[in-house]
PDB file of all heavy atoms in Angstrom:
ATOM      1  N   ILE A   1      -6.586   2.646   2.488  1.00  0.00           N
ATOM      2  CA  ILE A   1      -6.465   1.790   1.304  1.00  0.00           C
ATOM      3  C   ILE A   1      -7.858   1.329   0.910  1.00  0.00           C
ATOM      4  O   ILE A   1      -8.513   0.614   1.673  1.00  0.00           O
ATOM      5  CB  ILE A   1      -5.558   0.569   1.567  1.00  0.00           C
ATOM      6  CG1 ILE A   1      -4.218   1.000   2.175  1.00  0.00           C
ATOM      7  CG2 ILE A   1      -5.360  -0.224   0.281  1.00  0.00           C
ATOM      8  CD1 ILE A   1      -3.333   1.800   1.269  1.00  0.00           C
ATOM      9  N   ASN A   2      -8.321   1.782  -0.263  1.00  0.00           N
ATOM     10  CA  ASN A   2      -9.678   1.441  -0.707  1.00  0.00           C
ATOM     11  C   ASN A   2     -10.706   1.723   0.385  1.00  0.00           C
ATOM     12  O   ASN A   2     -11.561   0.898   0.709  1.00  0.00           O
ATOM     13  CB  ASN A   2      -9.746  -0.021  -1.164  1.00  0.00           C
ATOM     14  CG  ASN A   2      -8.886  -0.277  -2.389  1.00  0.00           C
ATOM     15  OD1 ASN A   2      -8.793   0.572  -3.270  1.00  0.00           O
ATOM     16  ND2 ASN A   2      -8.246  -1.433  -2.431  1.00  0.00           N
ATOM     17  N   GLU A   3     -10.567   2.924   0.974  1.00  0.00           N
ATOM     18  CA  GLU A   3     -11.486   3.448   1.999  1.00  0.00           C
ATOM     19  C   GLU A   3     -11.397   2.726   3.338  1.00  0.00           C
ATOM     20  O   GLU A   3     -12.240   2.926   4.205  1.00  0.00           O
ATOM     21  CB  GLU A   3     -12.950   3.428   1.501  1.00  0.00           C
ATOM     22  CG  GLU A   3     -13.188   4.255   0.254  1.00  0.00           C
ATOM     23  CD  GLU A   3     -12.862   5.737   0.442  1.00  0.00           C
ATOM     24  OE1 GLU A   3     -12.768   6.187   1.592  1.00  0.00           O
ATOM     25  OE2 GLU A   3     -12.704   6.437  -0.575  1.00  0.00           O
ATOM     26  N   GLU A   4     -10.395   1.881   3.525  1.00  0.00           N
ATOM     27  CA  GLU A   4     -10.161   1.257   4.825  1.00  0.00           C
ATOM     28  C   GLU A   4      -8.822   1.733   5.360  1.00  0.00           C
ATOM     29  O   GLU A   4      -7.876   1.947   4.595  1.00  0.00           O
ATOM     30  CB  GLU A   4     -10.141  -0.270   4.724  1.00  0.00           C
ATOM     31  CG  GLU A   4     -11.479  -0.903   4.415  1.00  0.00           C
ATOM     32  CD  GLU A   4     -11.389  -2.424   4.445  1.00  0.00           C
ATOM     33  OE1 GLU A   4     -10.544  -2.979   3.729  1.00  0.00           O
ATOM     34  OE2 GLU A   4     -12.163  -3.050   5.193  1.00  0.00           O
ATOM     35  N   LYS A   5      -8.723   1.892   6.673  1.00  0.00           N
ATOM     36  CA  LYS A   5      -7.467   2.331   7.259  1.00  0.00           C
ATOM     37  C   LYS A   5      -6.361   1.321   6.934  1.00  0.00           C
ATOM     38  O   LYS A   5      -6.554   0.115   7.051  1.00  0.00           O
ATOM     39  CB  LYS A   5      -7.609   2.474   8.777  1.00  0.00           C
ATOM     40  CG  LYS A   5      -6.347   3.030   9.445  1.00  0.00           C
ATOM     41  CD  LYS A   5      -6.535   3.200  10.940  1.00  0.00           C
ATOM     42  CE  LYS A   5      -5.247   3.687  11.584  1.00  0.00           C
ATOM     43  NZ  LYS A   5      -5.366   3.818  13.054  1.00  0.00           N
ATOM     44  N   MET A   6      -5.216   1.835   6.513  1.00  0.00           N
ATOM     45  CA  MET A   6      -4.093   0.969   6.182  1.00  0.00           C
ATOM     46  C   MET A   6      -3.661   0.176   7.405  1.00  0.00           C
ATOM     47  O   MET A   6      -3.439   0.745   8.470  1.00  0.00           O
ATOM     48  CB  MET A   6      -2.928   1.817   5.657  1.00  0.00           C
ATOM     49  CG  MET A   6      -1.775   1.018   5.099  1.00  0.00           C
ATOM     50  SD  MET A   6      -0.485   2.078   4.402  1.00  0.00           S
ATOM     51  CE  MET A   6       0.131   2.879   5.882  1.00  0.00           C
ATOM     52  N   SER A   7      -3.539  -1.130   7.255  1.00  0.00           N
ATOM     53  CA  SER A   7      -3.216  -1.976   8.396  1.00  0.00           C
ATOM     54  C   SER A   7      -2.606  -3.281   7.917  1.00  0.00           C
ATOM     55  O   SER A   7      -3.091  -3.888   6.951  1.00  0.00           O
ATOM     56  CB  SER A   7      -4.480  -2.277   9.218  1.00  0.00           C
ATOM     57  OG  SER A   7      -4.248  -3.303  10.157  1.00  0.00           O
ATOM     58  N   LYS A   8      -1.546  -3.714   8.594  1.00  0.00           N
ATOM     59  CA  LYS A   8      -0.946  -5.003   8.250  1.00  0.00           C
ATOM     60  C   LYS A   8      -1.940  -6.138   8.475  1.00  0.00           C
ATOM     61  O   LYS A   8      -1.990  -7.101   7.714  1.00  0.00           O
ATOM     62  CB  LYS A   8       0.305  -5.230   9.094  1.00  0.00           C
ATOM     63  CG  LYS A   8       1.502  -4.395   8.660  1.00  0.00           C
ATOM     64  CD  LYS A   8       2.732  -4.736   9.486  1.00  0.00           C
ATOM     65  CE  LYS A   8       3.939  -3.951   9.018  1.00  0.00           C
ATOM     66  NZ  LYS A   8       5.148  -4.247   9.814  1.00  0.00           N
ATOM     67  N   SER A   9      -2.759  -6.033   9.530  1.00  0.00           N
ATOM     68  CA  SER A   9      -3.692  -7.106   9.859  1.00  0.00           C
ATOM     69  C   SER A   9      -4.765  -7.276   8.787  1.00  0.00           C
ATOM     70  O   SER A   9      -5.311  -8.366   8.605  1.00  0.00           O
ATOM     71  CB  SER A   9      -4.351  -6.839  11.212  1.00  0.00           C
ATOM     72  OG  SER A   9      -5.108  -5.636  11.181  1.00  0.00           O
ATOM     73  N   LEU A  10      -5.076  -6.196   8.049  1.00  0.00           N
ATOM     74  CA  LEU A  10      -6.077  -6.276   6.989  1.00  0.00           C
ATOM     75  C   LEU A  10      -5.469  -6.686   5.655  1.00  0.00           C
ATOM     76  O   LEU A  10      -6.186  -6.885   4.670  1.00  0.00           O
ATOM     77  CB  LEU A  10      -6.778  -4.917   6.830  1.00  0.00           C
ATOM     78  CG  LEU A  10      -7.657  -4.464   8.004  1.00  0.00           C
ATOM     79  CD1 LEU A  10      -8.178  -3.060   7.739  1.00  0.00           C
ATOM     80  CD2 LEU A  10      -8.817  -5.426   8.230  1.00  0.00           C
ATOM     81  N   GLY A  11      -4.156  -6.811   5.626  1.00  0.00           N
ATOM     82  CA  GLY A  11      -3.490  -7.195   4.397  1.00  0.00           C
ATOM     83  C   GLY A  11      -3.485  -6.112   3.335  1.00  0.00           C
ATOM     84  O   GLY A  11      -3.317  -6.399   2.153  1.00  0.00           O
ATOM     85  N   ASN A  12      -3.698  -4.858   3.739  1.00  0.00           N
ATOM     86  CA  ASN A  12      -3.731  -3.753   2.773  1.00  0.00           C
ATOM     87  C   ASN A  12      -2.601  -2.764   3.045  1.00  0.00           C
ATOM     88  O   ASN A  12      -2.768  -1.554   2.998  1.00  0.00           O
ATOM     89  CB  ASN A  12      -5.081  -3.026   2.826  1.00  0.00           C
ATOM     90  CG  ASN A  12      -5.353  -2.394   4.190  1.00  0.00           C
ATOM     91  OD1 ASN A  12      -4.585  -2.568   5.131  1.00  0.00           O
ATOM     92  ND2 ASN A  12      -6.432  -1.652   4.293  1.00  0.00           N
ATOM     93  N   PHE A  13      -1.455  -3.293   3.328  1.00  0.00           N
ATOM     94  CA  PHE A  13      -0.299  -2.521   3.775  1.00  0.00           C
ATOM     95  C   PHE A  13       0.736  -2.502   2.657  1.00  0.00           C
ATOM     96  O   PHE A  13       1.181  -3.545   2.201  1.00  0.00           O
ATOM     97  CB  PHE A  13       0.284  -3.187   5.036  1.00  0.00           C
ATOM     98  CG  PHE A  13       1.297  -2.370   5.753  1.00  0.00           C
ATOM     99  CD1 PHE A  13       0.913  -1.467   6.713  1.00  0.00           C
ATOM    100  CD2 PHE A  13       2.650  -2.514   5.476  1.00  0.00           C
ATOM    101  CE1 PHE A  13       1.847  -0.720   7.402  1.00  0.00           C
ATOM    102  CE2 PHE A  13       3.596  -1.767   6.154  1.00  0.00           C
ATOM    103  CZ  PHE A  13       3.201  -0.867   7.115  1.00  0.00           C
ATOM    104  N   PHE A  14       1.105  -1.298   2.195  1.00  0.00           N
ATOM    105  CA  PHE A  14       2.032  -1.182   1.078  1.00  0.00           C
ATOM    106  C   PHE A  14       3.261  -0.373   1.469  1.00  0.00           C
ATOM    107  O   PHE A  14       3.137   0.703   2.069  1.00  0.00           O
ATOM    108  CB  PHE A  14       1.369  -0.498  -0.117  1.00  0.00           C
ATOM    109  CG  PHE A  14       0.229  -1.281  -0.709  1.00  0.00           C
ATOM    110  CD1 PHE A  14      -1.083  -0.925  -0.445  1.00  0.00           C
ATOM    111  CD2 PHE A  14       0.471  -2.381  -1.513  1.00  0.00           C
ATOM    112  CE1 PHE A  14      -2.133  -1.634  -0.978  1.00  0.00           C
ATOM    113  CE2 PHE A  14      -0.580  -3.099  -2.063  1.00  0.00           C
ATOM    114  CZ  PHE A  14      -1.876  -2.733  -1.791  1.00  0.00           C
ATOM    115  N   THR A  15       4.434  -0.878   1.115  1.00  0.00           N
ATOM    116  CA  THR A  15       5.641  -0.100   1.297  1.00  0.00           C
ATOM    117  C   THR A  15       5.805   0.847   0.112  1.00  0.00           C
ATOM    118  O   THR A  15       5.207   0.656  -0.954  1.00  0.00           O
ATOM    119  CB  THR A  15       6.888  -0.996   1.392  1.00  0.00           C
ATOM    120  OG1 THR A  15       7.099  -1.640   0.119  1.00  0.00           O
ATOM    121  CG2 THR A  15       6.730  -2.046   2.492  1.00  0.00           C
ATOM    122  N   ILE A  16       6.651   1.868   0.288  1.00  0.00           N
ATOM    123  CA  ILE A  16       6.930   2.796  -0.805  1.00  0.00           C
ATOM    124  C   ILE A  16       7.489   2.036  -1.998  1.00  0.00           C
ATOM    125  O   ILE A  16       7.127   2.286  -3.151  1.00  0.00           O
ATOM    126  CB  ILE A  16       7.904   3.888  -0.334  1.00  0.00           C
ATOM    127  CG1 ILE A  16       7.248   4.765   0.750  1.00  0.00           C
ATOM    128  CG2 ILE A  16       8.359   4.750  -1.504  1.00  0.00           C
ATOM    129  CD1 ILE A  16       8.186   5.776   1.371  1.00  0.00           C
ATOM    130  N   ARG A  17       8.364   1.073  -1.723  1.00  0.00           N
ATOM    131  CA  ARG A  17       8.993   0.319  -2.804  1.00  0.00           C
ATOM    132  C   ARG A  17       7.987  -0.508  -3.605  1.00  0.00           C
ATOM    133  O   ARG A  17       8.125  -0.666  -4.822  1.00  0.00           O
ATOM    134  CB  ARG A  17      10.093  -0.575  -2.243  1.00  0.00           C
ATOM    135  CG  ARG A  17      11.297   0.247  -1.805  1.00  0.00           C
ATOM    136  CD  ARG A  17      12.304  -0.501  -0.977  1.00  0.00           C
ATOM    137  NE  ARG A  17      13.324   0.446  -0.576  1.00  0.00           N
ATOM    138  CZ  ARG A  17      14.548   0.506  -1.102  1.00  0.00           C
ATOM    139  NH1 ARG A  17      14.911  -0.363  -2.021  1.00  0.00           N
ATOM    140  NH2 ARG A  17      15.398   1.412  -0.702  1.00  0.00           N
ATOM    141  N   GLU A  18       6.997  -1.033  -2.922  1.00  0.00           N
ATOM    142  CA  GLU A  18       5.970  -1.802  -3.627  1.00  0.00           C
ATOM    143  C   GLU A  18       5.178  -0.906  -4.577  1.00  0.00           C
ATOM    144  O   GLU A  18       4.847  -1.300  -5.696  1.00  0.00           O
ATOM    145  CB  GLU A  18       5.037  -2.468  -2.623  1.00  0.00           C
ATOM    146  CG  GLU A  18       5.668  -3.632  -1.869  1.00  0.00           C
ATOM    147  CD  GLU A  18       4.796  -4.160  -0.753  1.00  0.00           C
ATOM    148  OE1 GLU A  18       4.026  -3.372  -0.148  1.00  0.00           O
ATOM    149  OE2 GLU A  18       4.889  -5.365  -0.462  1.00  0.00           O
ATOM    150  N   VAL A  19       4.884   0.306  -4.138  1.00  0.00           N
ATOM    151  CA  VAL A  19       4.133   1.232  -4.989  1.00  0.00           C
ATOM    152  C   VAL A  19       5.005   1.729  -6.140  1.00  0.00           C
ATOM    153  O   VAL A  19       4.542   1.880  -7.278  1.00  0.00           O
ATOM    154  CB  VAL A  19       3.586   2.406  -4.160  1.00  0.00           C
ATOM    155  CG1 VAL A  19       2.757   3.342  -5.035  1.00  0.00           C
ATOM    156  CG2 VAL A  19       2.729   1.895  -3.011  1.00  0.00           C
ATOM    157  N   LEU A  20       6.294   1.955  -5.858  1.00  0.00           N
ATOM    158  CA  LEU A  20       7.213   2.418  -6.902  1.00  0.00           C
ATOM    159  C   LEU A  20       7.417   1.382  -8.001  1.00  0.00           C
ATOM    160  O   LEU A  20       7.883   1.719  -9.091  1.00  0.00           O
ATOM    161  CB  LEU A  20       8.565   2.787  -6.292  1.00  0.00           C
ATOM    162  CG  LEU A  20       8.633   4.117  -5.548  1.00  0.00           C
ATOM    163  CD1 LEU A  20       9.964   4.264  -4.822  1.00  0.00           C
ATOM    164  CD2 LEU A  20       8.414   5.284  -6.497  1.00  0.00           C
ATOM    165  N   ALA A  21       7.074   0.139  -7.733  1.00  0.00           N
ATOM    166  CA  ALA A  21       7.181  -0.895  -8.763  1.00  0.00           C
ATOM    167  C   ALA A  21       6.128  -0.700  -9.854  1.00  0.00           C
ATOM    168  O   ALA A  21       6.253  -1.260 -10.946  1.00  0.00           O
ATOM    169  CB  ALA A  21       7.036  -2.280  -8.134  1.00  0.00           C
ATOM    170  N   HIS A  22       5.098   0.108  -9.557  1.00  0.00           N
ATOM    171  CA  HIS A  22       3.997   0.298 -10.496  1.00  0.00           C
ATOM    172  C   HIS A  22       3.786   1.749 -10.921  1.00  0.00           C
ATOM    173  O   HIS A  22       3.153   1.996 -11.952  1.00  0.00           O
ATOM    174  CB  HIS A  22       2.705  -0.239  -9.892  1.00  0.00           C
ATOM    175  CG  HIS A  22       2.772  -1.682  -9.489  1.00  0.00           C
ATOM    176  ND1 HIS A  22       2.719  -2.712 -10.400  1.00  0.00           N
ATOM    177  CD2 HIS A  22       2.929  -2.266  -8.273  1.00  0.00           C
ATOM    178  CE1 HIS A  22       2.822  -3.878  -9.760  1.00  0.00           C
ATOM    179  NE2 HIS A  22       2.959  -3.630  -8.478  1.00  0.00           N
ATOM    180  N   TYR A  23       4.277   2.672 -10.118  1.00  0.00           N
ATOM    181  CA  TYR A  23       4.076   4.089 -10.413  1.00  0.00           C
ATOM    182  C   TYR A  23       5.379   4.857 -10.250  1.00  0.00           C
ATOM    183  O   TYR A  23       6.220   4.517  -9.419  1.00  0.00           O
ATOM    184  CB  TYR A  23       3.007   4.685  -9.485  1.00  0.00           C
ATOM    185  CG  TYR A  23       1.665   4.043  -9.656  1.00  0.00           C
ATOM    186  CD1 TYR A  23       1.255   3.013  -8.801  1.00  0.00           C
ATOM    187  CD2 TYR A  23       0.808   4.424 -10.690  1.00  0.00           C
ATOM    188  CE1 TYR A  23       0.027   2.395  -8.966  1.00  0.00           C
ATOM    189  CE2 TYR A  23      -0.420   3.808 -10.860  1.00  0.00           C
ATOM    190  CZ  TYR A  23      -0.809   2.796 -10.000  1.00  0.00           C
ATOM    191  OH  TYR A  23      -2.027   2.184 -10.175  1.00  0.00           O
ATOM    192  N   ARG A  24       5.519   5.913 -11.042  1.00  0.00           N
ATOM    193  CA  ARG A  24       6.706   6.735 -10.963  1.00  0.00           C
ATOM    194  C   ARG A  24       6.687   7.575  -9.683  1.00  0.00           C
ATOM    195  O   ARG A  24       5.617   7.923  -9.174  1.00  0.00           O
ATOM    196  CB  ARG A  24       6.810   7.634 -12.194  1.00  0.00           C
ATOM    197  CG  ARG A  24       7.256   6.885 -13.428  1.00  0.00           C
ATOM    198  CD  ARG A  24       7.293   7.765 -14.651  1.00  0.00           C
ATOM    199  NE  ARG A  24       5.948   7.995 -15.178  1.00  0.00           N
ATOM    200  CZ  ARG A  24       5.716   8.554 -16.366  1.00  0.00           C
ATOM    201  NH1 ARG A  24       6.719   8.932 -17.121  1.00  0.00           N
ATOM    202  NH2 ARG A  24       4.482   8.727 -16.783  1.00  0.00           N
ATOM    203  N   PRO A  25       7.868   7.925  -9.177  1.00  0.00           N
ATOM    204  CA  PRO A  25       7.928   8.686  -7.915  1.00  0.00           C
ATOM    205  C   PRO A  25       7.117   9.976  -7.944  1.00  0.00           C
ATOM    206  O   PRO A  25       6.417  10.303  -6.978  1.00  0.00           O
ATOM    207  CB  PRO A  25       9.424   8.973  -7.760  1.00  0.00           C
ATOM    208  CG  PRO A  25      10.101   7.866  -8.495  1.00  0.00           C
ATOM    209  CD  PRO A  25       9.211   7.555  -9.655  1.00  0.00           C
TER     210      PRO A  25
END
């Protein structure tokens, strides 16, 4: 995520549903 490894601890963790709220499948 933005060149950092996706991690809940970094707050850059996205579910599929969160992304689908902004982009088409």
